[in-house]
């Protein structure tokens, strides 16, 4: 039963609280999903530990070529950040696609990862950016690649009764690198998309130096199209190669039939279109 609500003002205070409650306190930032889960009795806790007033978790900053986003930064703040728009525009696009304005003003980007929903827009973009999550606990701090964060649908590597995901960081995009985020959703819908795709690529003398293609929800977590990436690496990219890479990417996906998102067959057809579109857009922005 929920008994206490604590508004922490520092990371240290939050960690002390987690230790004091010995597994019976739970970290929240935006809390948009956690409050629904509490209402539905999917989770139980004695104490909600709110970290939205921890100043060091409200920052978006550039450090040694990396963009660092604190755990209390909202989607609206990311969408409107000049730094993100310039150095990671696909993330600004993804955060701007999340829910309604009210949700974007409350929900956090780091929470989008910790909640481990396979279709979460910002998480898909962050995986394409090669993001790493900073996890802080009483024993110290560790850094986990976003791809290793997912233990299953709705379950991440962060135990919010013992640990805090304090930030997420990724390399800022450089000249010669391009990105794109595209999605398919029901018209006027505020829920998770039917499909979304994020691409980040780097060109060197017009050849693909490396590329990341991330698709969702076509697996229990956002899915890297590794075979499609290998196919494009080292190639002088053109429309024909993009079309072939999109087909390869679709062959790696395993979407399920869904009453809300459409049949697997339809989603595979649309996924090919989205991957092709994202690759073309990323290529254009890289040149």
Foldseek 3Di string as FASTA:
>chain_A
DAAEEAEDQAPVVVQVVLVVQVLQEFEDALCPVVVVCVVVVVDHHHYYYYDLNHVVQQDFDDDPQKTKHWFNHFLVNLLPDPQCCQFPVQLNVQSVLAFDPVRRVRHHLVVLLQQQAAQRRNLQSCLQQQKWWWKQFPVGIDIHTSVQQHPFHRHGPDSRSTMDRTIMMGGGDDQQKFKHKDFAADPPDNDGTLKIKIKIFGDDPQATQWMWIWMDDQDRHTDTLVVLRVQRHGHNDDLVSLLVSLLSSLVVGHHDADPRNHHNVVVSVVSSVNSSVGVVRRSVRND
